[in-house]
């Protein structure tokens, strides 16, 4: 039951942020108003989608620290939750950050911006692999062995 309340808390917050941002970005006032080369609609979408990604990352962090009893099967994968969440946030965050940064970057700036995301995404992918190898694989194997032992005993 705790997991359902937990999912509702984070899920509805993320849904509301995205919905409100999308609605506001489609209001003519936001489409027609600009700060330099960045439209207010793009800023609103950046804040809404960026906020959703931050909430999603915080949700992953909370899940990694306190896995609900109903999701005990995730326990061996606890050390993968934050790296996987970070990986997903970086991949989804690239187009979100581009909403505001894209119009402000020249050709050289766009290349540096792209490489920053490439390096961050590859680093988070490596983080996933290292955590799997050093922490999770042995826990999954131990869990599998204990289940196998219980089946043979019965």
N, C-alpha and C. Protein backbone atom coordinates (compact mmCIF):
# COMPACT_ATOMS: atom_id res chain seq x y z
N UNK A 1 0.82 -1.20 0.00
CA UNK A 1 0.00 0.00 0.00
C UNK A 1 0.86 1.26 0.00
N UNK A 2 1.98 1.20 0.72
CA UNK A 2 2.86 2.36 0.78
C UNK A 2 3.40 2.70 -0.61
N UNK A 3 3.67 1.66 -1.41
CA UNK A 3 4.21 1.90 -2.74
C UNK A 3 3.21 2.62 -3.63
N UNK A 4 1.93 2.33 -3.47
CA UNK A 4 0.91 3.00 -4.27
C UNK A 4 0.85 4.48 -3.93
N UNK A 5 0.88 4.82 -2.67
CA UNK A 5 0.86 6.23 -2.26
C UNK A 5 2.13 6.93 -2.74
N UNK A 6 3.22 6.23 -2.67
CA UNK A 6 4.50 6.77 -3.09
C UNK A 6 4.48 7.07 -4.59
N UNK A 7 3.98 6.12 -5.39
CA UNK A 7 3.88 6.31 -6.84
C UNK A 7 2.93 7.44 -7.19
N UNK A 8 1.82 7.52 -6.48
CA UNK A 8 0.86 8.60 -6.73
C UNK A 8 1.48 9.96 -6.44
N UNK A 9 2.21 10.05 -5.35
CA UNK A 9 2.83 11.32 -4.97
C UNK A 9 3.77 11.82 -6.07
N UNK A 10 4.70 10.99 -6.48
CA UNK A 10 5.66 11.40 -7.49
C UNK A 10 5.04 11.44 -8.89
N UNK A 11 4.27 10.44 -9.23
CA UNK A 11 3.69 10.35 -10.57
C UNK A 11 2.74 11.49 -10.90
N UNK A 12 1.85 11.80 -9.98
CA UNK A 12 0.90 12.89 -10.24
C UNK A 12 1.62 14.23 -10.26
N UNK A 13 2.62 14.41 -9.42
CA UNK A 13 3.39 15.66 -9.44
C UNK A 13 4.07 15.83 -10.79
N UNK A 14 4.68 14.77 -11.31
CA UNK A 14 5.33 14.84 -12.61
C UNK A 14 4.32 15.10 -13.73
N UNK A 15 3.20 14.42 -13.67
CA UNK A 15 2.16 14.60 -14.68
C UNK A 15 1.61 16.02 -14.67
N UNK A 16 1.36 16.56 -13.48
CA UNK A 16 0.85 17.94 -13.38
C UNK A 16 1.86 18.96 -13.91
N UNK A 17 3.13 18.76 -13.60
CA UNK A 17 4.16 19.69 -14.09
C UNK A 17 4.20 19.69 -15.62
N UNK A 18 4.19 18.50 -16.22
CA UNK A 18 4.22 18.43 -17.68
C UNK A 18 2.96 19.00 -18.30
N UNK A 19 1.81 18.68 -17.72
CA UNK A 19 0.54 19.16 -18.25
C UNK A 19 0.44 20.68 -18.16
N UNK A 20 0.77 21.23 -17.01
CA UNK A 20 0.70 22.68 -16.83
C UNK A 20 1.67 23.39 -17.78
N UNK A 21 2.87 22.88 -17.93
CA UNK A 21 3.84 23.47 -18.84
C UNK A 21 3.37 23.44 -20.28
N UNK A 22 2.80 22.32 -20.70
CA UNK A 22 2.30 22.19 -22.07
C UNK A 22 1.15 23.15 -22.33
N UNK A 23 0.24 23.26 -21.37
CA UNK A 23 -0.90 24.17 -21.52
C UNK A 23 -0.42 25.61 -21.61
N UNK A 24 0.45 26.02 -20.69
CA UNK A 24 0.93 27.39 -20.70
C UNK A 24 1.74 27.71 -21.96
N UNK A 25 2.52 26.77 -22.44
CA UNK A 25 3.34 27.00 -23.63
C UNK A 25 2.49 27.20 -24.88
N UNK A 26 1.25 26.74 -24.84
CA UNK A 26 0.36 26.90 -25.99
C UNK A 26 -0.54 28.13 -25.89
N UNK A 27 -0.43 28.89 -24.82
CA UNK A 27 -1.19 30.14 -24.68
C UNK A 27 -0.51 31.18 -25.59
N UNK A 28 -1.30 31.90 -26.40
CA UNK A 28 -0.71 32.88 -27.32
C UNK A 28 0.24 33.89 -26.66
N UNK A 29 -0.06 34.33 -25.46
CA UNK A 29 0.81 35.27 -24.76
C UNK A 29 2.23 34.70 -24.62
N UNK A 30 2.34 33.45 -24.26
CA UNK A 30 3.64 32.82 -24.08
C UNK A 30 4.34 32.55 -25.42
N UNK A 31 3.55 32.27 -26.46
CA UNK A 31 4.13 32.03 -27.78
C UNK A 31 4.69 33.32 -28.39
N UNK A 32 4.04 34.44 -28.09
CA UNK A 32 4.40 35.71 -28.73
C UNK A 32 5.41 36.53 -27.93
N UNK A 33 5.62 36.20 -26.67
CA UNK A 33 6.53 36.97 -25.83
C UNK A 33 7.91 36.31 -25.84
N UNK A 34 8.95 37.15 -25.97
CA UNK A 34 10.30 36.60 -26.02
C UNK A 34 11.26 37.44 -25.19
N UNK A 35 12.29 36.78 -24.72
CA UNK A 35 13.41 37.45 -24.06
C UNK A 35 14.61 37.18 -24.97
N UNK A 36 14.98 38.18 -25.75
CA UNK A 36 16.02 37.96 -26.75
C UNK A 36 15.51 36.98 -27.80
N UNK A 37 16.27 35.90 -28.00
CA UNK A 37 15.87 34.89 -28.99
C UNK A 37 15.09 33.73 -28.38
N UNK A 38 14.84 33.78 -27.09
CA UNK A 38 14.14 32.69 -26.40
C UNK A 38 12.71 33.12 -26.10
N UNK A 39 11.76 32.33 -26.58
CA UNK A 39 10.34 32.63 -26.35
C UNK A 39 9.93 32.19 -24.94
N UNK A 40 8.96 32.88 -24.41
CA UNK A 40 8.45 32.54 -23.08
C UNK A 40 7.90 31.12 -23.06
N UNK A 41 7.32 30.68 -24.16
CA UNK A 41 6.80 29.31 -24.24
C UNK A 41 7.92 28.29 -24.06
N UNK A 42 9.09 28.58 -24.63
CA UNK A 42 10.24 27.67 -24.49
C UNK A 42 10.75 27.65 -23.05
N UNK A 43 10.73 28.81 -22.40
CA UNK A 43 11.15 28.89 -21.00
C UNK A 43 10.20 28.09 -20.12
N UNK A 44 8.90 28.23 -20.38
CA UNK A 44 7.90 27.50 -19.60
C UNK A 44 8.07 26.00 -19.79
N UNK A 45 8.27 25.57 -21.04
CA UNK A 45 8.48 24.14 -21.29
C UNK A 45 9.76 23.65 -20.62
N UNK A 46 10.80 24.45 -20.68
CA UNK A 46 12.05 24.09 -20.01
C UNK A 46 11.83 23.91 -18.52
N UNK A 47 11.14 24.84 -17.89
CA UNK A 47 10.89 24.73 -16.45
C UNK A 47 10.00 23.54 -16.11
N UNK A 48 8.97 23.32 -16.92
CA UNK A 48 8.04 22.22 -16.65
C UNK A 48 8.71 20.86 -16.87
N UNK A 49 9.33 20.68 -18.03
CA UNK A 49 9.96 19.40 -18.33
C UNK A 49 11.21 19.19 -17.49
N UNK A 50 11.98 20.25 -17.29
CA UNK A 50 13.16 20.16 -16.43
C UNK A 50 12.77 19.81 -15.00
N UNK A 51 11.70 20.45 -14.51
CA UNK A 51 11.20 20.14 -13.17
C UNK A 51 10.74 18.70 -13.07
N UNK A 52 10.09 18.22 -14.13
CA UNK A 52 9.64 16.83 -14.16
C UNK A 52 10.84 15.88 -14.08
N UNK A 53 11.90 16.21 -14.81
CA UNK A 53 13.09 15.37 -14.77
C UNK A 53 13.75 15.40 -13.39
N UNK A 54 13.77 16.56 -12.77
CA UNK A 54 14.34 16.66 -11.41
C UNK A 54 13.51 15.84 -10.44
N UNK A 55 12.19 15.94 -10.54
CA UNK A 55 11.32 15.15 -9.66
C UNK A 55 11.53 13.66 -9.91
N UNK A 56 11.68 13.27 -11.17
CA UNK A 56 11.96 11.87 -11.50
C UNK A 56 13.27 11.39 -10.91
N UNK A 57 14.28 12.25 -10.95
CA UNK A 57 15.58 11.88 -10.37
C UNK A 57 15.46 11.75 -8.86
N UNK A 58 14.75 12.68 -8.23
CA UNK A 58 14.54 12.62 -6.77
C UNK A 58 13.75 11.36 -6.43
N UNK A 59 12.80 11.01 -7.26
CA UNK A 59 12.02 9.79 -7.06
C UNK A 59 12.94 8.57 -7.10
N UNK A 60 13.83 8.51 -8.07
CA UNK A 60 14.79 7.41 -8.15
C UNK A 60 15.69 7.36 -6.94
N UNK A 61 16.11 8.51 -6.48
CA UNK A 61 16.98 8.59 -5.29
C UNK A 61 16.22 8.08 -4.05
N UNK A 62 14.96 8.50 -3.93
CA UNK A 62 14.14 8.05 -2.80
C UNK A 62 13.91 6.54 -2.86
N UNK A 63 13.69 6.02 -4.06
CA UNK A 63 13.48 4.58 -4.22
C UNK A 63 14.75 3.81 -3.84
N UNK A 64 15.90 4.35 -4.21
CA UNK A 64 17.16 3.68 -3.88
C UNK A 64 17.43 3.64 -2.38
N UNK A 65 16.96 4.64 -1.65
CA UNK A 65 17.22 4.66 -0.21
C UNK A 65 16.19 3.88 0.59
N UNK A 66 14.94 3.90 0.15
CA UNK A 66 13.89 3.18 0.87
C UNK A 66 12.98 2.46 -0.12
N UNK A 67 13.32 1.22 -0.40
CA UNK A 67 12.49 0.42 -1.30
C UNK A 67 11.27 -0.05 -0.53
N UNK A 68 10.05 0.21 -1.06
CA UNK A 68 8.84 -0.25 -0.36
C UNK A 68 8.82 -1.78 -0.21
N UNK A 69 8.15 -2.24 0.82
CA UNK A 69 8.09 -3.68 1.10
C UNK A 69 7.52 -4.47 -0.08
N UNK A 70 6.58 -3.86 -0.80
CA UNK A 70 5.95 -4.54 -1.93
C UNK A 70 6.93 -4.75 -3.08
N UNK A 71 8.05 -4.02 -3.08
CA UNK A 71 9.03 -4.09 -4.17
C UNK A 71 10.35 -4.66 -3.68
N UNK A 72 10.30 -5.59 -2.76
CA UNK A 72 11.53 -6.18 -2.21
C UNK A 72 12.42 -6.80 -3.28
N UNK A 73 11.84 -7.21 -4.39
CA UNK A 73 12.61 -7.80 -5.48
C UNK A 73 13.62 -6.84 -6.08
N UNK A 74 13.44 -5.54 -5.84
CA UNK A 74 14.39 -4.54 -6.34
C UNK A 74 15.63 -4.41 -5.48
N UNK A 75 15.61 -4.97 -4.29
CA UNK A 75 16.70 -4.79 -3.34
C UNK A 75 18.09 -5.10 -3.92
N UNK A 76 18.28 -6.20 -4.66
CA UNK A 76 19.62 -6.45 -5.21
C UNK A 76 20.05 -5.40 -6.25
N UNK A 77 19.08 -4.69 -6.80
CA UNK A 77 19.36 -3.69 -7.84
C UNK A 77 19.41 -2.27 -7.28
N UNK A 78 19.36 -2.14 -5.98
CA UNK A 78 19.35 -0.83 -5.31
C UNK A 78 20.46 0.09 -5.81
N UNK A 79 21.65 -0.46 -6.00
CA UNK A 79 22.80 0.35 -6.41
C UNK A 79 22.77 0.73 -7.89
N UNK A 80 21.81 0.23 -8.63
CA UNK A 80 21.66 0.61 -10.04
C UNK A 80 20.61 1.70 -10.23
N UNK A 81 19.77 1.91 -9.26
CA UNK A 81 18.63 2.82 -9.44
C UNK A 81 19.08 4.25 -9.74
N UNK A 82 19.96 4.80 -8.94
CA UNK A 82 20.40 6.19 -9.16
C UNK A 82 21.19 6.32 -10.46
N UNK A 83 22.13 5.43 -10.78
CA UNK A 83 22.82 5.57 -12.06
C UNK A 83 21.89 5.44 -13.27
N UNK A 84 20.93 4.52 -13.22
CA UNK A 84 19.99 4.38 -14.34
C UNK A 84 19.10 5.61 -14.44
N UNK A 85 18.65 6.12 -13.31
CA UNK A 85 17.83 7.33 -13.31
C UNK A 85 18.62 8.51 -13.87
N UNK A 86 19.88 8.63 -13.46
CA UNK A 86 20.73 9.70 -13.97
C UNK A 86 20.92 9.57 -15.48
N UNK A 87 21.15 8.36 -15.94
CA UNK A 87 21.31 8.09 -17.37
C UNK A 87 20.07 8.54 -18.15
N UNK A 88 18.89 8.15 -17.67
CA UNK A 88 17.64 8.52 -18.34
C UNK A 88 17.40 10.02 -18.29
N UNK A 89 17.68 10.65 -17.15
CA UNK A 89 17.49 12.09 -17.03
C UNK A 89 18.41 12.85 -17.98
N UNK A 90 19.63 12.38 -18.13
CA UNK A 90 20.56 13.04 -19.06
C UNK A 90 20.09 12.89 -20.50
N UNK A 91 19.65 11.70 -20.88
CA UNK A 91 19.18 11.49 -22.25
C UNK A 91 17.93 12.33 -22.52
N UNK A 92 16.99 12.32 -21.60
CA UNK A 92 15.76 13.10 -21.78
C UNK A 92 16.01 14.58 -21.56
N UNK A 93 17.03 14.92 -20.80
CA UNK A 93 17.32 16.32 -20.49
C UNK A 93 17.98 17.08 -21.61
N UNK A 94 18.62 16.38 -22.55
CA UNK A 94 19.27 17.07 -23.66
C UNK A 94 18.29 17.94 -24.45
N UNK A 95 17.19 17.38 -24.96
CA UNK A 95 16.27 18.26 -25.70
C UNK A 95 15.59 19.31 -24.81
N UNK A 96 15.44 19.00 -23.52
CA UNK A 96 14.83 19.97 -22.61
C UNK A 96 15.75 21.17 -22.43
N UNK A 97 17.01 20.92 -22.18
CA UNK A 97 17.98 22.01 -22.02
C UNK A 97 18.16 22.78 -23.33
N UNK A 98 18.01 22.09 -24.44
CA UNK A 98 18.14 22.74 -25.75
C UNK A 98 17.04 23.78 -25.97
N UNK A 99 15.91 23.62 -25.32
CA UNK A 99 14.82 24.60 -25.46
C UNK A 99 15.31 26.01 -25.14
N UNK A 100 16.11 26.14 -24.10
CA UNK A 100 16.58 27.45 -23.68
C UNK A 100 17.99 27.73 -24.20
N UNK A 101 18.85 26.73 -24.17
CA UNK A 101 20.25 26.94 -24.57
C UNK A 101 20.43 27.00 -26.08
N UNK A 102 19.65 26.22 -26.82
CA UNK A 102 19.80 26.12 -28.27
C UNK A 102 19.82 27.46 -28.99
N UNK A 103 18.83 28.32 -28.76
CA UNK A 103 18.81 29.61 -29.47
C UNK A 103 19.98 30.53 -29.09
N UNK A 104 20.60 30.30 -27.95
CA UNK A 104 21.67 31.17 -27.48
C UNK A 104 23.06 30.73 -27.93
N UNK A 105 23.16 29.51 -28.45
CA UNK A 105 24.47 28.95 -28.81
C UNK A 105 24.78 29.20 -30.28
N UNK A 106 26.02 29.55 -30.55
CA UNK A 106 26.51 29.60 -31.93
C UNK A 106 26.96 28.20 -32.32
N UNK A 107 27.60 28.10 -33.50
CA UNK A 107 28.05 26.78 -33.97
C UNK A 107 29.09 26.16 -33.02
N UNK A 108 30.05 26.93 -32.57
CA UNK A 108 31.06 26.41 -31.65
C UNK A 108 30.47 26.06 -30.30
N UNK A 109 29.56 26.90 -29.81
CA UNK A 109 28.89 26.63 -28.53
C UNK A 109 28.03 25.39 -28.59
N UNK A 110 27.37 25.18 -29.72
CA UNK A 110 26.52 24.00 -29.88
C UNK A 110 27.36 22.72 -29.83
N UNK A 111 28.55 22.77 -30.42
CA UNK A 111 29.43 21.61 -30.40
C UNK A 111 29.90 21.30 -28.98
N UNK A 112 30.28 22.32 -28.22
CA UNK A 112 30.70 22.12 -26.83
C UNK A 112 29.53 21.59 -26.01
N UNK A 113 28.35 22.17 -26.20
CA UNK A 113 27.13 21.74 -25.51
C UNK A 113 26.84 20.26 -25.79
N UNK A 114 26.91 19.87 -27.06
CA UNK A 114 26.66 18.48 -27.43
C UNK A 114 27.68 17.55 -26.78
N UNK A 115 28.95 17.93 -26.79
CA UNK A 115 29.98 17.08 -26.21
C UNK A 115 29.84 16.96 -24.69
N UNK A 116 29.36 18.02 -24.05
CA UNK A 116 29.12 17.92 -22.60
C UNK A 116 28.09 16.84 -22.31
N UNK A 117 27.04 16.79 -23.11
CA UNK A 117 26.02 15.77 -22.90
C UNK A 117 26.54 14.38 -23.28
N UNK A 118 27.32 14.30 -24.37
CA UNK A 118 27.89 13.00 -24.76
C UNK A 118 28.74 12.44 -23.63
N UNK A 119 29.62 13.26 -23.09
CA UNK A 119 30.51 12.81 -22.01
C UNK A 119 29.69 12.41 -20.77
N UNK A 120 28.70 13.23 -20.41
CA UNK A 120 27.89 12.94 -19.23
C UNK A 120 27.08 11.65 -19.40
N UNK A 121 26.52 11.43 -20.58
CA UNK A 121 25.73 10.22 -20.83
C UNK A 121 26.63 8.98 -20.83
N UNK A 122 27.78 9.07 -21.46
CA UNK A 122 28.72 7.93 -21.47
C UNK A 122 29.20 7.65 -20.04
N UNK A 123 29.51 8.70 -19.27
CA UNK A 123 29.96 8.52 -17.89
C UNK A 123 28.89 7.85 -17.05
N UNK A 124 27.64 8.25 -17.23
CA UNK A 124 26.58 7.61 -16.44
C UNK A 124 26.36 6.17 -16.90
N UNK A 125 26.55 5.89 -18.18
CA UNK A 125 26.49 4.51 -18.65
C UNK A 125 27.58 3.66 -18.03
N UNK A 126 28.77 4.22 -17.94
CA UNK A 126 29.88 3.50 -17.28
C UNK A 126 29.59 3.30 -15.80
N UNK A 127 28.96 4.28 -15.17
CA UNK A 127 28.56 4.18 -13.76
C UNK A 127 27.63 2.98 -13.57
N UNK A 128 26.70 2.80 -14.50
CA UNK A 128 25.78 1.66 -14.43
C UNK A 128 26.56 0.36 -14.50
N UNK A 129 27.47 0.27 -15.46
CA UNK A 129 28.24 -0.97 -15.66
C UNK A 129 29.10 -1.27 -14.44
N UNK A 130 29.80 -0.26 -13.92
CA UNK A 130 30.66 -0.47 -12.75
C UNK A 130 29.84 -0.90 -11.54
N UNK A 131 28.70 -0.24 -11.31
CA UNK A 131 27.86 -0.63 -10.17
C UNK A 131 27.31 -2.04 -10.33
N UNK A 132 26.95 -2.42 -11.55
CA UNK A 132 26.47 -3.78 -11.76
C UNK A 132 27.58 -4.77 -11.41
N UNK A 133 28.77 -4.54 -11.93
CA UNK A 133 29.88 -5.47 -11.74
C UNK A 133 30.33 -5.54 -10.29
N UNK A 134 30.44 -4.37 -9.63
CA UNK A 134 31.02 -4.35 -8.28
C UNK A 134 30.00 -4.60 -7.17
N UNK A 135 28.73 -4.31 -7.41
CA UNK A 135 27.76 -4.39 -6.31
C UNK A 135 26.59 -5.31 -6.59
N UNK A 136 25.95 -5.16 -7.72
CA UNK A 136 24.66 -5.84 -7.95
C UNK A 136 24.79 -7.29 -8.39
N UNK A 137 25.74 -7.59 -9.24
CA UNK A 137 25.84 -8.96 -9.78
C UNK A 137 25.97 -10.00 -8.67
N UNK A 138 26.81 -9.73 -7.68
CA UNK A 138 26.98 -10.69 -6.58
C UNK A 138 25.71 -10.81 -5.74
N UNK A 139 24.99 -9.71 -5.55
CA UNK A 139 23.74 -9.75 -4.78
C UNK A 139 22.67 -10.54 -5.52
N UNK A 140 22.58 -10.35 -6.83
CA UNK A 140 21.60 -11.09 -7.63
C UNK A 140 21.94 -12.58 -7.61
N UNK A 141 23.23 -12.90 -7.74
CA UNK A 141 23.64 -14.31 -7.70
C UNK A 141 23.34 -14.93 -6.34
N UNK A 142 23.60 -14.21 -5.27
CA UNK A 142 23.32 -14.71 -3.92
C UNK A 142 21.82 -14.92 -3.73
N UNK A 143 21.03 -14.01 -4.23
CA UNK A 143 19.57 -14.13 -4.12
C UNK A 143 19.08 -15.33 -4.92
N UNK A 144 19.65 -15.53 -6.10
CA UNK A 144 19.28 -16.66 -6.94
C UNK A 144 19.68 -17.98 -6.28
N UNK A 145 20.86 -18.01 -5.68
CA UNK A 145 21.32 -19.22 -4.99
C UNK A 145 20.44 -19.55 -3.80
N UNK A 146 20.01 -18.52 -3.04
CA UNK A 146 19.17 -18.79 -1.87
C UNK A 146 17.79 -19.28 -2.30
N UNK A 147 17.27 -18.78 -3.40
CA UNK A 147 15.97 -19.26 -3.91
C UNK A 147 16.10 -20.70 -4.37
N UNK A 148 17.21 -21.00 -5.05
CA UNK A 148 17.44 -22.34 -5.55
C UNK A 148 17.59 -23.33 -4.38
N UNK A 149 18.26 -22.92 -3.33
CA UNK A 149 18.43 -23.76 -2.15
C UNK A 149 17.09 -24.04 -1.46
N UNK A 150 16.25 -23.02 -1.38
CA UNK A 150 14.94 -23.19 -0.75
C UNK A 150 14.06 -24.13 -1.54
N UNK A 151 14.14 -24.07 -2.88
CA UNK A 151 13.34 -24.97 -3.72
C UNK A 151 13.79 -26.42 -3.56
N UNK A 152 15.09 -26.63 -3.49
CA UNK A 152 15.61 -27.98 -3.33
C UNK A 152 15.29 -28.56 -1.95
N UNK A 153 15.22 -27.70 -0.94
CA UNK A 153 14.92 -28.15 0.42
C UNK A 153 13.44 -28.54 0.54
N UNK A 154 12.61 -27.93 -0.25
CA UNK A 154 11.17 -28.20 -0.15
C UNK A 154 10.78 -29.42 -0.89
